[in-house]
Amino acid sequence: MANSSGSVTILLSTYNGEKYLREQIDSIVQQRYQDWVLLVRDDGSSDSTLEIVKSYSAKDARVQIIADGYGNQGPAGSFIKLLACVETEYFMFCDQDDVWLPNKVCDSIKILKSYDGPHLVFTDLKVVDERLREISSSFMDKSRFDPIKGVNFSKLLIQNVVVGCTIAANKKLLEESKLSASAAPNNIMMHDWWLALVASSLGKITYLDKPTILYRQHGGNCLGAKDSGFRHYLRLLYNQKPWLKAQKYLNRVVLQAASFNECYGWRVTPSQQKLLSLTVELRSGSVVLGLSRCFFSGISMHKLDRNVALLLSFVFGRLEDRKTVES
């Protein structure tokens, strides 16, 4: 177990991140809030990532390497392994290729201290290119997300707006989430999404309406600030036949909802239980009708065009299946 002597544990999962990693760690070292420990778990890098981390660890005892022997776990799995090492009252997630603004830790911890129950804080991000030149002053605006309405339980069931690398949360939320247990719940799409669902239903989510991170966009991003809009979705429909991707996504959403229902269905409110049931029921019967019922009940993605695009994906997919059968 790591020596978590600070008041906040920063969790960093690395994978072939040598190009930008120094800038990220430097931005943590230069935080105005200094009472932290940085736990780094490498997820099987083949470049010099681990050597870079070791060089920081050698000169700063707060930078600690977690060598658990589990090998490559993928982004969610690797962060879940790190969560099992948290011993402090607060924790934060960190990506390997961003830059933290100087007040990120202190601003987040100040808000966390305002509520004693399970609490999650997330923030906006400034979107930048590889050289940290500004692309957009607000990730939320660029992505057309509503970070206030978006953290309602009904919205979070089908789409997550809580960006993991901005999250700060307390130990009570971690304990409620079961992510620090020896066996985490099954079918979790992403660790940050699961934490948001737990906080939304059993605790509190607070949004800080200002960027705390320079969110670097480059060719190696696992997730990023993607284009959106109805024209974008129409191009996908005609050029990339996205229904298989939509089906895969929705299936994972349903499995996650079923797992959440198994863990917490008996604890959430009756209205939240109904929302969970509607989401789980998407795995049986007509998906188009099921989605329509979900939308009518408030379970939806952000913006009308995203919901229409999701429905159209299944309509076009059914038409394509019929063509295949008839031919």
C-alpha atoms as a PDB file:
ATOM      1  CA  MET A   1       0.000   0.000   0.000  1.00  0.00           C
ATOM      2  CA  ALA A   2       1.239   3.486  -0.840  1.00  0.00           C
ATOM      3  CA  ASN A   3       2.171   5.993   1.824  1.00  0.00           C
ATOM      4  CA  SER A   4      -0.602   8.560   1.389  1.00  0.00           C
ATOM      5  CA  SER A   5       0.650  11.200   3.803  1.00  0.00           C
ATOM      6  CA  GLY A   6      -1.052  14.153   2.091  1.00  0.00           C
ATOM      7  CA  SER A   7      -4.675  15.210   2.475  1.00  0.00           C
ATOM      8  CA  VAL A   8      -5.507  14.531  -1.183  1.00  0.00           C
ATOM      9  CA  THR A   9      -4.443  11.640  -3.397  1.00  0.00           C
ATOM     10  CA  ILE A  10      -3.982  12.399  -7.095  1.00  0.00           C
ATOM     11  CA  LEU A  11      -4.383   9.303  -9.266  1.00  0.00           C
ATOM     12  CA  LEU A  12      -2.510   9.102 -12.560  1.00  0.00           C
ATOM     13  CA  SER A  13      -2.664   6.143 -14.932  1.00  0.00           C
ATOM     14  CA  THR A  14       0.009   6.272 -17.624  1.00  0.00           C
ATOM     15  CA  TYR A  15       0.394   4.484 -20.938  1.00  0.00           C
ATOM     16  CA  ASN A  16       3.071   5.459 -23.475  1.00  0.00           C
ATOM     17  CA  GLY A  17       2.795   9.064 -22.350  1.00  0.00           C
ATOM     18  CA  GLU A  18       6.412  10.179 -22.587  1.00  0.00           C
ATOM     19  CA  LYS A  19       5.670  13.120 -24.931  1.00  0.00           C
ATOM     20  CA  TYR A  20       3.612  15.228 -22.535  1.00  0.00           C
ATOM     21  CA  LEU A  21       4.025  13.582 -19.126  1.00  0.00           C
ATOM     22  CA  ARG A  22       6.667  15.952 -17.762  1.00  0.00           C
ATOM     23  CA  GLU A  23       4.444  18.980 -18.385  1.00  0.00           C
ATOM     24  CA  GLN A  24       1.585  17.318 -16.541  1.00  0.00           C
ATOM     25  CA  ILE A  25       3.601  16.299 -13.493  1.00  0.00           C
ATOM     26  CA  ASP A  26       5.285  19.715 -13.392  1.00  0.00           C
ATOM     27  CA  SER A  27       1.867  21.366 -13.303  1.00  0.00           C
ATOM     28  CA  ILE A  28       0.945  19.226 -10.283  1.00  0.00           C
ATOM     29  CA  VAL A  29       4.204  20.001  -8.499  1.00  0.00           C
ATOM     30  CA  GLN A  30       3.528  23.716  -9.094  1.00  0.00           C
ATOM     31  CA  GLN A  31       0.020  23.659  -7.579  1.00  0.00           C
ATOM     32  CA  ARG A  32      -0.653  26.306  -4.935  1.00  0.00           C
ATOM     33  CA  TYR A  33      -2.095  23.523  -2.762  1.00  0.00           C
ATOM     34  CA  GLN A  34       0.881  21.370  -1.808  1.00  0.00           C
ATOM     35  CA  ASP A  35      -0.526  18.791   0.639  1.00  0.00           C
ATOM     36  CA  TRP A  36      -0.933  15.975  -1.879  1.00  0.00           C
ATOM     37  CA  VAL A  37       0.456  12.607  -2.882  1.00  0.00           C
ATOM     38  CA  LEU A  38       0.598  11.530  -6.535  1.00  0.00           C
ATOM     39  CA  LEU A  39       0.064   7.808  -7.130  1.00  0.00           C
ATOM     40  CA  VAL A  40       1.121   6.664 -10.589  1.00  0.00           C
ATOM     41  CA  ARG A  41       0.192   3.308 -12.075  1.00  0.00           C
ATOM     42  CA  ASP A  42       1.735   2.485 -15.439  1.00  0.00           C
ATOM     43  CA  ASP A  43      -0.562   0.405 -17.619  1.00  0.00           C
ATOM     44  CA  GLY A  44       2.123  -1.379 -19.621  1.00  0.00           C
ATOM     45  CA  SER A  45       4.058   1.358 -21.412  1.00  0.00           C
ATOM     46  CA  SER A  46       6.714   0.420 -23.948  1.00  0.00           C
ATOM     47  CA  ASP A  47       8.315   3.887 -24.102  1.00  0.00           C
ATOM     48  CA  SER A  48      10.177   5.883 -21.455  1.00  0.00           C
ATOM     49  CA  THR A  49       7.064   6.765 -19.437  1.00  0.00           C
ATOM     50  CA  LEU A  50       8.010   4.731 -16.373  1.00  0.00           C
ATOM     51  CA  GLU A  51      11.565   6.086 -16.368  1.00  0.00           C
ATOM     52  CA  ILE A  52      10.176   9.636 -16.370  1.00  0.00           C
ATOM     53  CA  VAL A  53       7.945   8.867 -13.387  1.00  0.00           C
ATOM     54  CA  LYS A  54      10.866   7.264 -11.541  1.00  0.00           C
ATOM     55  CA  SER A  55      12.956  10.411 -12.061  1.00  0.00           C
ATOM     56  CA  TYR A  56      10.269  12.511 -10.348  1.00  0.00           C
ATOM     57  CA  SER A  57       9.793   9.957  -7.586  1.00  0.00           C
ATOM     58  CA  ALA A  58      13.522   9.999  -6.843  1.00  0.00           C
ATOM     59  CA  LYS A  59      13.460  13.726  -6.079  1.00  0.00           C
ATOM     60  CA  ASP A  60       9.952  14.129  -4.619  1.00  0.00           C
ATOM     61  CA  ALA A  61       8.640  11.590  -2.087  1.00  0.00           C
ATOM     62  CA  ARG A  62       5.069  12.653  -2.857  1.00  0.00           C
ATOM     63  CA  VAL A  63       5.347  11.020  -6.304  1.00  0.00           C
ATOM     64  CA  GLN A  64       4.863   7.288  -5.782  1.00  0.00           C
ATOM     65  CA  ILE A  65       4.693   4.394  -8.231  1.00  0.00           C
ATOM     66  CA  ILE A  66       2.109   1.651  -7.785  1.00  0.00           C
ATOM     67  CA  ALA A  67       3.553  -1.636  -9.060  1.00  0.00           C
ATOM     68  CA  ASP A  68       0.726  -4.123  -8.584  1.00  0.00           C
ATOM     69  CA  GLY A  69       1.668  -6.728 -11.185  1.00  0.00           C
ATOM     70  CA  TYR A  70      -1.755  -6.702 -12.882  1.00  0.00           C
ATOM     71  CA  GLY A  71      -0.422  -5.494 -16.235  1.00  0.00           C
ATOM     72  CA  ASN A  72      -2.540  -3.688 -18.799  1.00  0.00           C
ATOM     73  CA  GLN A  73      -6.063  -3.022 -17.503  1.00  0.00           C
ATOM     74  CA  GLY A  74      -7.261  -0.307 -19.891  1.00  0.00           C
ATOM     75  CA  PRO A  75      -8.174   3.229 -18.720  1.00  0.00           C
ATOM     76  CA  ALA A  76     -11.120   2.328 -16.465  1.00  0.00           C
ATOM     77  CA  GLY A  77      -9.503  -0.792 -15.034  1.00  0.00           C
ATOM     78  CA  SER A  78      -6.237   0.971 -14.304  1.00  0.00           C
ATOM     79  CA  PHE A  79      -7.908   3.835 -12.463  1.00  0.00           C
ATOM     80  CA  ILE A  80     -10.026   1.381 -10.470  1.00  0.00           C
ATOM     81  CA  LYS A  81      -6.820  -0.350  -9.377  1.00  0.00           C
ATOM     82  CA  LEU A  82      -5.526   3.039  -8.244  1.00  0.00           C
ATOM     83  CA  LEU A  83      -8.717   3.795  -6.327  1.00  0.00           C
ATOM     84  CA  ALA A  84      -8.024   0.782  -4.130  1.00  0.00           C
ATOM     85  CA  CYS A  85      -4.887   2.596  -2.913  1.00  0.00           C
ATOM     86  CA  VAL A  86      -6.613   5.768  -1.713  1.00  0.00           C
ATOM     87  CA  GLU A  87      -6.201   6.362   2.028  1.00  0.00           C
ATOM     88  CA  THR A  88      -6.750  10.119   2.198  1.00  0.00           C
ATOM     89  CA  GLU A  89      -9.979  12.062   2.744  1.00  0.00           C
ATOM     90  CA  TYR A  90      -9.988  13.345  -0.842  1.00  0.00           C
ATOM     91  CA  PHE A  91      -8.858  12.092  -4.235  1.00  0.00           C
ATOM     92  CA  MET A  92      -8.572  13.415  -7.780  1.00  0.00           C
ATOM     93  CA  PHE A  93      -8.055  11.891 -11.220  1.00  0.00           C
ATOM     94  CA  CYS A  94      -5.316  13.005 -13.570  1.00  0.00           C
ATOM     95  CA  ASP A  95      -4.607  12.312 -17.258  1.00  0.00           C
ATOM     96  CA  GLN A  96      -1.071  12.081 -18.566  1.00  0.00           C
ATOM     97  CA  ASP A  97      -1.237  14.650 -21.357  1.00  0.00           C
ATOM     98  CA  ASP A  98      -2.962  17.716 -19.862  1.00  0.00           C
ATOM     99  CA  VAL A  99      -1.729  20.690 -17.849  1.00  0.00           C
ATOM    100  CA  TRP A 100      -3.337  21.652 -14.540  1.00  0.00           C
ATOM    101  CA  LEU A 101      -3.905  25.324 -13.826  1.00  0.00           C
ATOM    102  CA  PRO A 102      -2.315  26.454 -10.530  1.00  0.00           C
ATOM    103  CA  ASN A 103      -5.515  26.684  -8.439  1.00  0.00           C
ATOM    104  CA  LYS A 104      -7.090  23.399  -9.545  1.00  0.00           C
ATOM    105  CA  VAL A 105      -6.463  21.433  -6.355  1.00  0.00           C
ATOM    106  CA  CYS A 106      -7.215  24.202  -3.856  1.00  0.00           C
ATOM    107  CA  ASP A 107     -10.427  25.275  -5.625  1.00  0.00           C
ATOM    108  CA  SER A 108     -11.730  21.714  -5.762  1.00  0.00           C
ATOM    109  CA  ILE A 109     -10.849  20.819  -2.169  1.00  0.00           C
ATOM    110  CA  LYS A 110     -12.462  24.026  -0.870  1.00  0.00           C
ATOM    111  CA  ILE A 111     -15.772  23.016  -2.488  1.00  0.00           C
ATOM    112  CA  LEU A 112     -15.504  19.400  -1.303  1.00  0.00           C
ATOM    113  CA  LYS A 113     -15.193  20.562   2.291  1.00  0.00           C
ATOM    114  CA  SER A 114     -18.556  22.333   2.078  1.00  0.00           C
ATOM    115  CA  TYR A 115     -20.538  19.070   2.182  1.00  0.00           C
ATOM    116  CA  ASP A 116     -19.995  16.112   4.511  1.00  0.00           C
ATOM    117  CA  GLY A 117     -21.817  13.398   2.541  1.00  0.00           C
ATOM    118  CA  PRO A 118     -20.658  11.618  -0.631  1.00  0.00           C
ATOM    119  CA  HIS A 119     -19.508  14.511  -2.790  1.00  0.00           C
ATOM    120  CA  LEU A 120     -18.088  14.881  -6.304  1.00  0.00           C
ATOM    121  CA  VAL A 121     -16.758  18.110  -7.806  1.00  0.00           C
ATOM    122  CA  PHE A 122     -16.024  18.590 -11.499  1.00  0.00           C
ATOM    123  CA  THR A 123     -15.070  21.594 -13.583  1.00  0.00           C
ATOM    124  CA  ASP A 124     -14.891  23.027 -17.067  1.00  0.00           C
ATOM    125  CA  LEU A 125     -11.754  22.682 -19.202  1.00  0.00           C
ATOM    126  CA  LYS A 126      -9.955  24.910 -21.666  1.00  0.00           C
ATOM    127  CA  VAL A 127      -9.457  22.971 -24.908  1.00  0.00           C
ATOM    128  CA  VAL A 128      -5.969  23.402 -26.407  1.00  0.00           C
ATOM    129  CA  ASP A 129      -3.900  21.869 -29.193  1.00  0.00           C
ATOM    130  CA  GLU A 130      -0.638  19.944 -28.895  1.00  0.00           C
ATOM    131  CA  ARG A 131       1.297  23.163 -28.221  1.00  0.00           C
ATOM    132  CA  LEU A 132      -1.235  24.403 -25.659  1.00  0.00           C
ATOM    133  CA  ARG A 133      -2.720  26.967 -28.037  1.00  0.00           C
ATOM    134  CA  GLU A 134      -6.370  27.641 -27.233  1.00  0.00           C
ATOM    135  CA  ILE A 135      -9.016  25.922 -29.360  1.00  0.00           C
ATOM    136  CA  SER A 136     -11.958  26.734 -27.108  1.00  0.00           C
ATOM    137  CA  SER A 137     -12.191  28.533 -23.787  1.00  0.00           C
ATOM    138  CA  SER A 138     -14.867  26.065 -22.630  1.00  0.00           C
ATOM    139  CA  PHE A 139     -15.086  22.326 -23.229  1.00  0.00           C
ATOM    140  CA  MET A 140     -18.700  22.354 -22.054  1.00  0.00           C
ATOM    141  CA  ASP A 141     -19.648  24.997 -24.611  1.00  0.00           C
ATOM    142  CA  LYS A 142     -17.725  23.306 -27.389  1.00  0.00           C
ATOM    143  CA  SER A 143     -19.366  19.957 -26.612  1.00  0.00           C
ATOM    144  CA  ARG A 144     -22.797  21.577 -26.125  1.00  0.00           C
ATOM    145  CA  PHE A 145     -23.165  20.035 -22.675  1.00  0.00           C
ATOM    146  CA  ASP A 146     -25.267  21.431 -19.859  1.00  0.00           C
ATOM    147  CA  PRO A 147     -23.194  20.595 -16.760  1.00  0.00           C
ATOM    148  CA  ILE A 148     -26.032  21.603 -14.424  1.00  0.00           C
ATOM    149  CA  LYS A 149     -28.962  19.640 -15.877  1.00  0.00           C
ATOM    150  CA  GLY A 150     -26.556  16.993 -17.127  1.00  0.00           C
ATOM    151  CA  VAL A 151     -25.844  15.671 -13.641  1.00  0.00           C
ATOM    152  CA  ASN A 152     -29.476  14.786 -13.016  1.00  0.00           C
ATOM    153  CA  PHE A 153     -29.749  11.035 -12.563  1.00  0.00           C
ATOM    154  CA  SER A 154     -32.040  10.697 -15.601  1.00  0.00           C
ATOM    155  CA  LYS A 155     -29.462  12.337 -17.868  1.00  0.00           C
ATOM    156  CA  LEU A 156     -26.479  10.480 -16.441  1.00  0.00           C
ATOM    157  CA  LEU A 157     -28.034   7.079 -17.124  1.00  0.00           C
ATOM    158  CA  ILE A 158     -27.451   7.364 -20.849  1.00  0.00           C
ATOM    159  CA  GLN A 159     -24.681   9.980 -21.233  1.00  0.00           C
ATOM    160  CA  ASN A 160     -21.931  11.206 -18.941  1.00  0.00           C
ATOM    161  CA  VAL A 161     -20.914  14.884 -18.870  1.00  0.00           C
ATOM    162  CA  VAL A 162     -18.617  14.612 -15.841  1.00  0.00           C
ATOM    163  CA  VAL A 163     -15.119  14.720 -17.322  1.00  0.00           C
ATOM    164  CA  GLY A 164     -12.942  12.346 -15.320  1.00  0.00           C
ATOM    165  CA  CYS A 165      -9.721  14.346 -15.363  1.00  0.00           C
ATOM    166  CA  THR A 166     -11.505  17.255 -13.623  1.00  0.00           C
ATOM    167  CA  ILE A 167     -13.020  15.159 -10.825  1.00  0.00           C
ATOM    168  CA  ALA A 168     -12.267  15.642  -7.156  1.00  0.00           C
ATOM    169  CA  ALA A 169     -14.230  13.589  -4.637  1.00  0.00           C
ATOM    170  CA  ASN A 170     -14.224  12.484  -1.021  1.00  0.00           C
ATOM    171  CA  LYS A 171     -13.638   9.142   0.634  1.00  0.00           C
ATOM    172  CA  LYS A 172     -17.330   8.764   1.468  1.00  0.00           C
ATOM    173  CA  LEU A 173     -18.183   8.709  -2.220  1.00  0.00           C
ATOM    174  CA  LEU A 174     -15.413   6.216  -2.925  1.00  0.00           C
ATOM    175  CA  GLU A 175     -16.757   3.917  -0.221  1.00  0.00           C
ATOM    176  CA  GLU A 176     -20.308   4.201  -1.547  1.00  0.00           C
ATOM    177  CA  SER A 177     -19.138   3.473  -5.093  1.00  0.00           C
ATOM    178  CA  LYS A 178     -17.620   0.105  -4.163  1.00  0.00           C
ATOM    179  CA  LEU A 179     -14.739   0.874  -6.542  1.00  0.00           C
ATOM    180  CA  SER A 180     -12.157   0.491  -3.808  1.00  0.00           C
ATOM    181  CA  ALA A 181     -13.407  -2.970  -2.870  1.00  0.00           C
ATOM    182  CA  SER A 182     -11.477  -6.116  -3.770  1.00  0.00           C
ATOM    183  CA  ALA A 183     -13.985  -6.775  -6.570  1.00  0.00           C
ATOM    184  CA  ALA A 184     -15.540  -3.723  -8.247  1.00  0.00           C
ATOM    185  CA  PRO A 185     -19.083  -3.972  -9.674  1.00  0.00           C
ATOM    186  CA  ASN A 186     -19.375  -5.528 -13.139  1.00  0.00           C
ATOM    187  CA  ASN A 187     -20.012  -3.776 -16.465  1.00  0.00           C
ATOM    188  CA  ILE A 188     -18.742  -0.329 -15.492  1.00  0.00           C
ATOM    189  CA  MET A 189     -18.272   1.703 -18.677  1.00  0.00           C
ATOM    190  CA  MET A 190     -15.909   4.215 -17.060  1.00  0.00           C
ATOM    191  CA  HIS A 191     -14.902   4.866 -13.467  1.00  0.00           C
ATOM    192  CA  ASP A 192     -15.839   8.556 -13.659  1.00  0.00           C
ATOM    193  CA  TRP A 193     -19.310   7.760 -15.032  1.00  0.00           C
ATOM    194  CA  TRP A 194     -19.978   5.268 -12.226  1.00  0.00           C
ATOM    195  CA  LEU A 195     -18.865   7.745  -9.566  1.00  0.00           C
ATOM    196  CA  ALA A 196     -21.153  10.387 -11.094  1.00  0.00           C
ATOM    197  CA  LEU A 197     -24.126   8.003 -10.977  1.00  0.00           C
ATOM    198  CA  VAL A 198     -23.460   7.192  -7.332  1.00  0.00           C
ATOM    199  CA  ALA A 199     -22.994  10.846  -6.370  1.00  0.00           C
ATOM    200  CA  SER A 200     -26.119  11.896  -8.254  1.00  0.00           C
ATOM    201  CA  SER A 201     -28.319   9.334  -6.506  1.00  0.00           C
ATOM    202  CA  LEU A 202     -26.735   8.967  -3.055  1.00  0.00           C
ATOM    203  CA  GLY A 203     -24.807  12.195  -2.535  1.00  0.00           C
ATOM    204  CA  LYS A 204     -24.086  15.479  -4.239  1.00  0.00           C
ATOM    205  CA  ILE A 205     -22.423  16.744  -7.425  1.00  0.00           C
ATOM    206  CA  THR A 206     -21.058  20.286  -7.615  1.00  0.00           C
ATOM    207  CA  TYR A 207     -19.962  21.909 -10.865  1.00  0.00           C
ATOM    208  CA  LEU A 208     -17.267  24.591 -10.806  1.00  0.00           C
ATOM    209  CA  ASP A 209     -17.963  26.830 -13.787  1.00  0.00           C
ATOM    210  CA  LYS A 210     -14.404  27.634 -14.753  1.00  0.00           C
ATOM    211  CA  PRO A 211     -11.578  25.763 -16.473  1.00  0.00           C
ATOM    212  CA  THR A 212      -9.034  24.148 -14.181  1.00  0.00           C
ATOM    213  CA  ILE A 213      -7.203  22.193 -16.894  1.00  0.00           C
ATOM    214  CA  LEU A 214      -5.621  22.804 -20.274  1.00  0.00           C
ATOM    215  CA  TYR A 215      -7.246  19.869 -22.083  1.00  0.00           C
ATOM    216  CA  ARG A 216      -4.750  18.901 -24.749  1.00  0.00           C
ATOM    217  CA  GLN A 217      -6.075  17.501 -28.036  1.00  0.00           C
ATOM    218  CA  HIS A 218      -3.729  15.355 -30.086  1.00  0.00           C
ATOM    219  CA  GLY A 219      -3.719  12.212 -32.184  1.00  0.00           C
ATOM    220  CA  GLY A 220      -3.302   9.914 -29.188  1.00  0.00           C
ATOM    221  CA  ASN A 221      -6.283  10.994 -27.091  1.00  0.00           C
ATOM    222  CA  CYS A 222      -8.413   8.111 -25.769  1.00  0.00           C
ATOM    223  CA  LEU A 223     -11.304  10.526 -25.376  1.00  0.00           C
ATOM    224  CA  GLY A 224     -11.461  14.138 -26.367  1.00  0.00           C
ATOM    225  CA  ALA A 225     -13.446  17.151 -27.425  1.00  0.00           C
ATOM    226  CA  LYS A 226     -15.299  15.734 -30.405  1.00  0.00           C
ATOM    227  CA  ASP A 227     -17.374  17.525 -33.019  1.00  0.00           C
ATOM    228  CA  SER A 228     -21.138  17.399 -32.688  1.00  0.00           C
ATOM    229  CA  GLY A 229     -24.234  18.780 -34.339  1.00  0.00           C
ATOM    230  CA  PHE A 230     -26.968  17.388 -36.538  1.00  0.00           C
ATOM    231  CA  ARG A 231     -25.003  17.726 -39.798  1.00  0.00           C
ATOM    232  CA  HIS A 232     -22.170  15.777 -38.205  1.00  0.00           C
ATOM    233  CA  TYR A 233     -24.560  12.951 -37.288  1.00  0.00           C
ATOM    234  CA  LEU A 234     -26.099  12.916 -40.765  1.00  0.00           C
ATOM    235  CA  ARG A 235     -22.641  12.557 -42.308  1.00  0.00           C
ATOM    236  CA  LEU A 236     -22.022   9.610 -40.024  1.00  0.00           C
ATOM    237  CA  LEU A 237     -25.315   7.987 -41.031  1.00  0.00           C
ATOM    238  CA  TYR A 238     -24.552   8.205 -44.734  1.00  0.00           C
ATOM    239  CA  ASN A 239     -20.824   7.575 -44.684  1.00  0.00           C
ATOM    240  CA  GLN A 240     -19.976   5.366 -41.705  1.00  0.00           C
ATOM    241  CA  LYS A 241     -23.148   3.355 -40.965  1.00  0.00           C
ATOM    242  CA  PRO A 242     -22.923   3.966 -37.210  1.00  0.00           C
ATOM    243  CA  TRP A 243     -25.767   1.723 -36.054  1.00  0.00           C
ATOM    244  CA  LEU A 244     -23.441  -1.067 -34.993  1.00  0.00           C
ATOM    245  CA  LYS A 245     -21.497   1.412 -32.871  1.00  0.00           C
ATOM    246  CA  ALA A 246     -24.769   2.793 -31.454  1.00  0.00           C
ATOM    247  CA  GLN A 247     -25.975  -0.716 -30.639  1.00  0.00           C
ATOM    248  CA  LYS A 248     -22.720  -1.517 -28.862  1.00  0.00           C
ATOM    249  CA  TYR A 249     -22.849   1.746 -26.915  1.00  0.00           C
ATOM    250  CA  LEU A 250     -26.456   1.293 -25.842  1.00  0.00           C
ATOM    251  CA  ASN A 251     -25.834  -2.305 -24.831  1.00  0.00           C
ATOM    252  CA  ARG A 252     -23.027  -1.167 -22.531  1.00  0.00           C
ATOM    253  CA  VAL A 253     -25.250   1.577 -21.109  1.00  0.00           C
ATOM    254  CA  VAL A 254     -27.943  -0.998 -20.331  1.00  0.00           C
ATOM    255  CA  LEU A 255     -25.479  -3.417 -18.727  1.00  0.00           C
ATOM    256  CA  GLN A 256     -24.084  -0.619 -16.573  1.00  0.00           C
ATOM    257  CA  ALA A 257     -27.606   0.402 -15.533  1.00  0.00           C
ATOM    258  CA  ALA A 258     -28.416  -3.213 -14.643  1.00  0.00           C
ATOM    259  CA  SER A 259     -25.282  -3.436 -12.518  1.00  0.00           C
ATOM    260  CA  PHE A 260     -26.113  -0.143 -10.824  1.00  0.00           C
ATOM    261  CA  ASN A 261     -29.646  -1.373 -10.177  1.00  0.00           C
ATOM    262  CA  GLU A 262     -28.270  -4.532  -8.583  1.00  0.00           C
ATOM    263  CA  CYS A 263     -25.976  -2.538  -6.305  1.00  0.00           C
ATOM    264  CA  TYR A 264     -28.222   0.394  -5.394  1.00  0.00           C
ATOM    265  CA  GLY A 265     -31.753  -0.222  -6.666  1.00  0.00           C
ATOM    266  CA  TRP A 266     -33.011  -0.790  -3.141  1.00  0.00           C
ATOM    267  CA  ARG A 267     -31.519   2.530  -1.939  1.00  0.00           C
ATOM    268  CA  VAL A 268     -32.521   5.028  -4.620  1.00  0.00           C
ATOM    269  CA  THR A 269     -35.814   6.916  -4.702  1.00  0.00           C
ATOM    270  CA  PRO A 270     -38.897   5.343  -6.333  1.00  0.00           C
ATOM    271  CA  SER A 271     -38.624   7.760  -9.281  1.00  0.00           C
ATOM    272  CA  GLN A 272     -34.951   6.837  -9.787  1.00  0.00           C
ATOM    273  CA  GLN A 273     -35.864   3.157  -9.555  1.00  0.00           C
ATOM    274  CA  LYS A 274     -38.394   3.677 -12.354  1.00  0.00           C
ATOM    275  CA  LEU A 275     -35.740   5.362 -14.500  1.00  0.00           C
ATOM    276  CA  LEU A 276     -33.346   2.473 -13.893  1.00  0.00           C
ATOM    277  CA  SER A 277     -36.026  -0.048 -14.880  1.00  0.00           C
ATOM    278  CA  LEU A 278     -36.802   1.778 -18.130  1.00  0.00           C
ATOM    279  CA  THR A 279     -33.108   1.811 -19.028  1.00  0.00           C
ATOM    280  CA  VAL A 280     -32.606  -1.869 -18.218  1.00  0.00           C
ATOM    281  CA  GLU A 281     -35.695  -2.774 -20.261  1.00  0.00           C
ATOM    282  CA  LEU A 282     -33.972  -1.467 -23.400  1.00  0.00           C
ATOM    283  CA  ARG A 283     -32.291  -4.864 -23.740  1.00  0.00           C
ATOM    284  CA  SER A 284     -35.654  -6.498 -24.532  1.00  0.00           C
ATOM    285  CA  GLY A 285     -38.300  -5.662 -27.127  1.00  0.00           C
ATOM    286  CA  SER A 286     -38.150  -2.828 -29.653  1.00  0.00           C
ATOM    287  CA  VAL A 287     -35.221  -0.512 -28.992  1.00  0.00           C
ATOM    288  CA  VAL A 288     -36.891   2.336 -30.887  1.00  0.00           C
ATOM    289  CA  LEU A 289     -40.016   2.093 -28.731  1.00  0.00           C
ATOM    290  CA  GLY A 290     -37.915   1.616 -25.601  1.00  0.00           C
ATOM    291  CA  LEU A 291     -35.829   4.700 -26.363  1.00  0.00           C
ATOM    292  CA  SER A 292     -38.999   6.680 -27.027  1.00  0.00           C
ATOM    293  CA  ARG A 293     -40.313   5.709 -23.586  1.00  0.00           C
ATOM    294  CA  CYS A 294     -36.990   6.675 -22.037  1.00  0.00           C
ATOM    295  CA  PHE A 295     -36.957  10.062 -23.777  1.00  0.00           C
ATOM    296  CA  PHE A 296     -40.531  10.724 -22.656  1.00  0.00           C
ATOM    297  CA  SER A 297     -39.499   9.965 -19.045  1.00  0.00           C
ATOM    298  CA  GLY A 298     -36.482  12.275 -19.166  1.00  0.00           C
ATOM    299  CA  ILE A 299     -33.781   9.673 -19.850  1.00  0.00           C
ATOM    300  CA  SER A 300     -31.923  11.215 -22.757  1.00  0.00           C
ATOM    301  CA  MET A 301     -28.670  12.413 -24.208  1.00  0.00           C
ATOM    302  CA  HIS A 302     -27.827  16.095 -24.339  1.00  0.00           C
ATOM    303  CA  LYS A 303     -29.521  18.102 -27.083  1.00  0.00           C
ATOM    304  CA  LEU A 304     -32.341  17.018 -29.348  1.00  0.00           C
ATOM    305  CA  ASP A 305     -30.090  16.194 -32.293  1.00  0.00           C
ATOM    306  CA  ARG A 306     -28.153  13.602 -30.293  1.00  0.00           C
ATOM    307  CA  ASN A 307     -31.372  11.829 -29.322  1.00  0.00           C
ATOM    308  CA  VAL A 308     -32.679  11.951 -32.897  1.00  0.00           C
ATOM    309  CA  ALA A 309     -29.356  10.614 -34.160  1.00  0.00           C
ATOM    310  CA  LEU A 310     -29.486   7.727 -31.685  1.00  0.00           C
ATOM    311  CA  LEU A 311     -33.002   6.809 -32.781  1.00  0.00           C
ATOM    312  CA  LEU A 312     -32.096   7.127 -36.469  1.00  0.00           C
ATOM    313  CA  SER A 313     -29.131   4.820 -35.941  1.00  0.00           C
ATOM    314  CA  PHE A 314     -31.470   2.025 -34.882  1.00  0.00           C
ATOM    315  CA  VAL A 315     -34.050   2.827 -37.588  1.00  0.00           C
ATOM    316  CA  PHE A 316     -31.373   2.754 -40.303  1.00  0.00           C
ATOM    317  CA  GLY A 317     -29.880  -0.357 -38.745  1.00  0.00           C
ATOM    318  CA  ARG A 318     -33.213  -2.188 -38.966  1.00  0.00           C
ATOM    319  CA  LEU A 319     -33.617  -1.117 -42.596  1.00  0.00           C
ATOM    320  CA  GLU A 320     -30.110  -2.336 -43.380  1.00  0.00           C
ATOM    321  CA  ASP A 321     -30.838  -5.676 -41.690  1.00  0.00           C
ATOM    322  CA  ARG A 322     -33.958  -6.075 -43.830  1.00  0.00           C
ATOM    323  CA  LYS A 323     -31.999  -5.357 -46.995  1.00  0.00           C
ATOM    324  CA  THR A 324     -29.440  -7.967 -46.001  1.00  0.00           C
ATOM    325  CA  VAL A 325     -32.148 -10.580 -45.375  1.00  0.00           C
ATOM    326  CA  GLU A 326     -33.996  -9.801 -48.638  1.00  0.00           C
ATOM    327  CA  SER A 327     -30.822 -10.011 -50.703  1.00  0.00           C
END
